[in-house]
N, C-alpha and C. Protein backbone atom coordinates (compact mmCIF):
# COMPACT_ATOMS: atom_id res chain seq x y z
N MET A 1 5.81 5.12 -2.98
CA MET A 1 5.61 3.47 -2.42
C MET A 1 6.68 3.01 -1.19
N LEU A 2 5.89 2.14 -0.65
CA LEU A 2 6.08 1.47 0.76
C LEU A 2 6.57 0.86 0.54
N HIS A 3 7.36 0.16 1.51
CA HIS A 3 8.70 -0.90 1.23
C HIS A 3 8.51 -1.60 2.68
N GLY A 4 8.39 -3.01 3.01
CA GLY A 4 8.56 -3.77 3.95
C GLY A 4 10.08 -4.02 4.53
N ALA A 5 10.38 -4.38 5.44
CA ALA A 5 11.45 -4.25 6.49
C ALA A 5 13.08 -4.71 5.47
N ASP A 6 12.66 -5.62 4.67
CA ASP A 6 13.33 -6.32 3.94
C ASP A 6 13.34 -5.88 2.19
N GLY A 7 13.07 -4.44 2.07
CA GLY A 7 12.77 -3.60 1.23
C GLY A 7 11.76 -4.20 -0.18
N GLN A 8 11.10 -5.30 0.21
CA GLN A 8 9.78 -5.65 -0.49
C GLN A 8 8.86 -4.21 -0.82
N ASN A 9 8.43 -4.31 -1.82
CA ASN A 9 7.13 -3.38 -2.49
C ASN A 9 6.10 -3.66 -1.77
N THR A 10 5.64 -2.69 -1.10
CA THR A 10 4.16 -3.34 -0.11
C THR A 10 3.16 -2.22 -0.22
N ASN A 11 2.40 -2.34 -0.17
CA ASN A 11 0.80 -1.22 0.27
C ASN A 11 -0.05 -1.49 1.53
N LYS A 12 -0.92 -0.56 1.66
CA LYS A 12 -1.41 -0.63 2.40
C LYS A 12 -3.20 -1.00 1.78
N MET A 13 -4.05 -1.46 3.33
CA MET A 13 -5.11 -2.04 2.88
C MET A 13 -6.39 -1.92 3.46
N THR A 14 -7.16 -1.24 3.37
CA THR A 14 -7.93 -1.09 4.28
C THR A 14 -8.95 -2.72 4.75
N TRP A 15 -9.84 -2.37 5.59
CA TRP A 15 -10.88 -3.99 5.72
C TRP A 15 -11.58 -3.91 4.95
N ASP A 16 -12.16 -2.95 3.96
CA ASP A 16 -13.07 -3.74 2.25
C ASP A 16 -12.18 -4.30 1.87
N GLN A 17 -11.39 -3.27 1.29
CA GLN A 17 -9.75 -4.17 0.40
C GLN A 17 -9.59 -5.24 0.54
N PHE A 18 -9.48 -5.36 1.80
CA PHE A 18 -9.00 -7.16 2.09
C PHE A 18 -9.76 -7.90 1.45
N ILE A 19 -11.43 -7.62 2.00
CA ILE A 19 -12.38 -8.24 1.60
C ILE A 19 -12.76 -8.70 -0.01
N LYS A 20 -12.51 -7.33 -0.70
CA LYS A 20 -11.88 -7.53 -2.04
C LYS A 20 -10.85 -8.54 -2.16
N PHE A 21 -9.79 -8.46 -1.73
CA PHE A 21 -8.88 -8.94 -2.00
C PHE A 21 -8.99 -10.25 -2.08
N GLN A 22 -9.63 -10.92 -0.92
CA GLN A 22 -9.82 -12.40 -0.59
C GLN A 22 -11.25 -12.94 -1.19
N ARG A 23 -11.69 -11.76 -2.24
CA ARG A 23 -12.91 -12.39 -3.13
C ARG A 23 -13.93 -12.82 -2.65
N TRP A 24 -14.17 -12.42 -0.93
CA TRP A 24 -15.65 -13.14 -0.61
C TRP A 24 -16.57 -12.66 -1.03
N GLU A 25 -16.98 -11.71 -1.95
CA GLU A 25 -17.98 -11.29 -2.35
C GLU A 25 -18.92 -12.53 -3.21
N GLU A 26 -18.22 -14.00 -3.98
CA GLU A 26 -17.74 -14.63 -4.61
C GLU A 26 -18.62 -15.70 -3.86
N PHE A 27 -18.68 -15.52 -2.09
CA PHE A 27 -19.06 -16.56 -1.37
C PHE A 27 -20.17 -15.96 -0.35
N PRO A 28 -21.24 -15.69 -1.04
CA PRO A 28 -21.94 -14.73 0.06
C PRO A 28 -22.86 -16.01 1.29
N GLU A 29 -22.70 -17.33 0.78
CA GLU A 29 -23.01 -18.21 1.60
C GLU A 29 -22.48 -18.70 2.71
N ARG A 30 -21.20 -17.97 2.65
CA ARG A 30 -20.07 -18.13 4.02
C ARG A 30 -20.05 -17.07 4.69
N SER A 31 -20.43 -16.06 4.81
CA SER A 31 -20.09 -14.78 5.50
C SER A 31 -19.66 -14.76 6.68
N ASP A 32 -20.18 -16.09 7.48
CA ASP A 32 -19.44 -16.51 8.94
C ASP A 32 -18.21 -16.70 8.97
N ASN A 33 -18.29 -17.44 7.77
CA ASN A 33 -16.46 -18.49 7.75
C ASN A 33 -16.33 -18.44 6.40
N PRO A 34 -15.93 -17.57 5.72
CA PRO A 34 -15.43 -16.60 4.20
C PRO A 34 -13.87 -17.88 4.32
N PRO A 35 -13.84 -18.17 2.56
CA PRO A 35 -12.70 -18.85 2.71
C PRO A 35 -11.76 -17.97 2.86
N MET A 36 -10.03 -18.59 2.65
CA MET A 36 -8.85 -17.98 2.66
C MET A 36 -8.53 -18.11 0.93
N THR A 37 -9.06 -17.48 0.30
CA THR A 37 -8.46 -17.49 -1.34
C THR A 37 -6.86 -17.45 -1.95
N VAL A 38 -6.27 -16.46 -0.42
CA VAL A 38 -5.27 -16.13 -1.52
C VAL A 38 -4.51 -16.14 0.22
N ASP A 39 -2.98 -16.72 0.04
CA ASP A 39 -2.18 -16.54 1.09
C ASP A 39 -1.56 -15.39 1.05
N PHE A 40 -1.24 -14.47 2.21
CA PHE A 40 -0.23 -13.67 2.17
C PHE A 40 0.49 -13.64 3.17
N MET A 41 1.48 -12.24 2.64
CA MET A 41 2.45 -11.73 3.33
C MET A 41 2.27 -10.19 4.35
N PHE A 42 2.85 -10.35 5.39
CA PHE A 42 2.19 -8.78 5.34
C PHE A 42 3.22 -8.66 6.51
N TRP A 43 3.39 -7.20 6.82
CA TRP A 43 4.74 -6.23 7.92
C TRP A 43 3.56 -5.60 8.98
N LYS A 44 4.18 -5.98 10.25
CA LYS A 44 3.69 -5.26 11.48
C LYS A 44 4.62 -4.88 11.95
N ASP A 45 5.17 -3.17 12.36
CA ASP A 45 5.62 -2.50 12.90
C ASP A 45 7.18 -3.49 12.54
N GLY A 46 7.67 -3.65 11.20
CA GLY A 46 9.04 -3.47 10.95
C GLY A 46 9.45 -5.20 10.80
N GLN A 47 8.09 -5.91 11.37
CA GLN A 47 8.47 -7.48 11.27
C GLN A 47 7.42 -8.15 10.58
N LYS A 48 7.83 -9.50 9.82
CA LYS A 48 7.42 -10.11 9.08
C LYS A 48 6.46 -11.17 9.14
N PHE A 49 5.04 -10.93 8.56
CA PHE A 49 3.91 -12.44 9.09
C PHE A 49 3.57 -13.01 8.27
N TYR A 50 3.38 -14.00 8.21
CA TYR A 50 2.61 -14.90 6.77
C TYR A 50 0.86 -15.28 7.53
N CYS A 51 0.29 -15.56 6.64
CA CYS A 51 -1.40 -16.52 6.82
C CYS A 51 -1.47 -17.05 5.91
N THR A 52 -1.35 -18.36 6.38
CA THR A 52 -1.46 -19.60 5.89
C THR A 52 -2.62 -20.65 5.96
N GLY A 53 -2.99 -21.72 4.95
CA GLY A 53 -3.59 -22.54 5.96
C GLY A 53 -2.60 -23.52 6.43
N GLU A 54 -3.01 -24.37 7.35
CA GLU A 54 -2.16 -25.08 8.01
C GLU A 54 -2.50 -26.21 8.77
N ASP A 55 -3.10 -27.47 9.25
CA ASP A 55 -3.94 -28.41 10.49
C ASP A 55 -4.63 -28.25 9.81
N HIS A 56 -5.81 -28.30 9.00
CA HIS A 56 -6.83 -28.38 8.18
C HIS A 56 -8.04 -26.55 8.88
N GLY A 57 -6.61 -25.66 8.95
CA GLY A 57 -7.01 -24.43 9.25
C GLY A 57 -6.74 -23.05 8.52
N PHE A 58 -6.18 -22.57 9.15
CA PHE A 58 -5.62 -21.25 8.83
C PHE A 58 -4.30 -20.86 10.19
N VAL A 59 -3.56 -20.35 10.29
CA VAL A 59 -3.15 -19.56 10.39
C VAL A 59 -2.31 -18.20 10.37
N ILE A 60 -1.78 -17.37 11.56
CA ILE A 60 -0.42 -16.60 11.28
C ILE A 60 0.17 -17.29 12.05
N VAL A 61 1.22 -16.59 11.30
CA VAL A 61 2.60 -16.95 11.87
C VAL A 61 4.15 -15.93 11.68
N ASP A 62 5.06 -16.02 12.63
CA ASP A 62 5.90 -14.82 12.55
C ASP A 62 6.75 -15.46 11.25
N ALA A 63 7.82 -14.52 11.32
CA ALA A 63 8.96 -15.16 9.82
C ALA A 63 9.71 -16.14 9.47
N ASP A 64 9.70 -16.68 11.72
CA ASP A 64 10.68 -18.04 11.65
C ASP A 64 9.27 -19.14 11.75
N TRP A 65 8.11 -18.81 10.97
CA TRP A 65 7.30 -19.50 11.28
C TRP A 65 6.41 -20.14 12.61
N ASN A 66 6.74 -19.48 13.61
CA ASN A 66 6.00 -19.24 15.03
C ASN A 66 5.07 -19.07 15.04
N ARG A 67 3.80 -20.12 15.24
CA ARG A 67 2.55 -19.81 15.24
C ARG A 67 1.99 -18.52 16.26
N LEU A 68 1.24 -17.50 15.81
CA LEU A 68 0.94 -16.55 16.61
C LEU A 68 -0.72 -17.06 16.91
N ALA A 69 -1.83 -17.01 15.90
CA ALA A 69 -2.95 -17.77 15.77
C ALA A 69 -3.59 -18.88 15.09
N TYR A 70 -4.11 -19.55 15.50
CA TYR A 70 -4.90 -20.66 14.80
C TYR A 70 -6.33 -20.64 15.00
N ASP A 71 -6.78 -21.06 13.35
CA ASP A 71 -8.53 -21.31 13.75
C ASP A 71 -9.07 -22.39 12.63
N LYS A 72 -9.95 -22.83 12.81
CA LYS A 72 -10.35 -23.52 11.72
C LYS A 72 -11.63 -22.45 10.62
N ASN A 73 -11.75 -21.65 11.23
CA ASN A 73 -12.58 -20.17 10.92
C ASN A 73 -11.39 -18.86 9.96
N PHE A 74 -11.32 -18.69 9.11
CA PHE A 74 -10.86 -18.09 8.73
C PHE A 74 -10.76 -16.70 9.27
N LEU A 75 -12.34 -16.10 9.14
CA LEU A 75 -12.62 -14.89 9.84
C LEU A 75 -12.35 -14.80 11.18
N LYS A 76 -13.15 -15.77 12.26
CA LYS A 76 -12.48 -15.99 13.52
C LYS A 76 -11.07 -15.61 14.12
N LEU A 77 -10.39 -16.22 13.10
CA LEU A 77 -8.07 -16.17 13.26
C LEU A 77 -8.32 -15.02 12.96
N LEU A 78 -8.83 -13.94 12.10
CA LEU A 78 -8.73 -12.72 11.43
C LEU A 78 -9.00 -11.77 12.72
N GLU A 79 -10.10 -12.18 13.79
CA GLU A 79 -10.65 -11.05 14.52
C GLU A 79 -9.66 -11.41 16.23
N THR A 80 -9.16 -12.92 15.86
CA THR A 80 -8.46 -13.35 16.94
C THR A 80 -7.22 -11.86 17.88
N PRO A 81 -7.29 -11.46 18.62
CA PRO A 81 -6.41 -10.74 19.59
C PRO A 81 -5.08 -11.42 19.59
N ILE A 82 -4.14 -10.53 18.94
CA ILE A 82 -2.35 -11.13 18.82
C ILE A 82 -1.54 -10.53 19.26
N TRP A 83 -1.70 -9.00 19.06
CA TRP A 83 -0.85 -7.68 19.23
C TRP A 83 -1.01 -7.38 19.94
N GLY A 84 -1.07 -7.12 21.37
CA GLY A 84 -1.44 -6.44 22.57
C GLY A 84 -3.03 -5.96 22.71
N GLY A 85 -3.50 -7.22 22.40
CA GLY A 85 -4.63 -7.60 22.36
C GLY A 85 -5.76 -6.63 21.42
N ARG A 86 -4.91 -7.21 20.31
CA ARG A 86 -5.31 -5.95 18.78
C ARG A 86 -5.27 -7.36 18.01
N SER A 87 -6.71 -7.86 17.23
CA SER A 87 -6.24 -8.61 16.16
C SER A 87 -5.59 -7.95 14.32
N PHE A 88 -5.64 -8.77 13.85
CA PHE A 88 -4.82 -8.49 12.45
C PHE A 88 -6.58 -7.83 11.78
N LYS A 89 -7.49 -7.81 12.15
CA LYS A 89 -8.53 -7.20 11.70
C LYS A 89 -8.62 -5.62 12.58
N ASP A 90 -8.35 -5.76 13.41
CA ASP A 90 -8.46 -4.13 14.11
C ASP A 90 -7.02 -3.32 13.87
N SER A 91 -6.25 -4.31 13.34
CA SER A 91 -4.65 -3.65 13.26
C SER A 91 -4.51 -3.64 11.89
N ILE A 92 -5.56 -3.60 10.41
CA ILE A 92 -5.35 -3.79 9.50
C ILE A 92 -4.69 -2.61 8.55
N ASP A 93 -4.85 -1.08 9.78
CA ASP A 93 -4.58 0.10 9.11
C ASP A 93 -3.33 0.34 9.38
N ASP A 94 -2.86 -0.30 10.14
CA ASP A 94 -1.14 -0.55 11.03
C ASP A 94 -0.15 -1.90 9.52
N LEU A 95 -0.83 -2.26 8.65
CA LEU A 95 0.05 -3.12 8.89
C LEU A 95 -0.07 -3.02 6.92
N LEU A 96 1.36 -3.18 6.67
CA LEU A 96 1.48 -3.47 5.21
C LEU A 96 1.62 -4.53 4.65
N PHE A 97 1.30 -4.68 2.85
CA PHE A 97 1.06 -6.33 2.72
C PHE A 97 1.88 -5.90 1.07
N ALA A 98 2.71 -7.24 0.87
CA ALA A 98 3.33 -7.93 -0.32
C ALA A 98 2.76 -7.08 -1.20
N ASP A 99 3.19 -6.97 -2.17
CA ASP A 99 2.29 -6.79 -3.56
C ASP A 99 2.40 -8.01 -4.31
């Protein structure tokens, strides 16, 4: 069992598993802008982050709710460079997700 920095149970996901977690296969007509069906919390390098909806779009914020990235297109948000030029999608193998 993996744990986040605050001791919460976590797991890892591949990009394909993330797509299934978000149930994008139910929205084939939205392949260029799939919906965020589930808000989620994750850890990178021991720091907690959240991905949620805000201001008619989507955000990735840190534990203090400081906005790191925003886009009205969820897929573009996940492809936006955030950490040293790496996006959420690029970094998915390094992330831990809350159970």
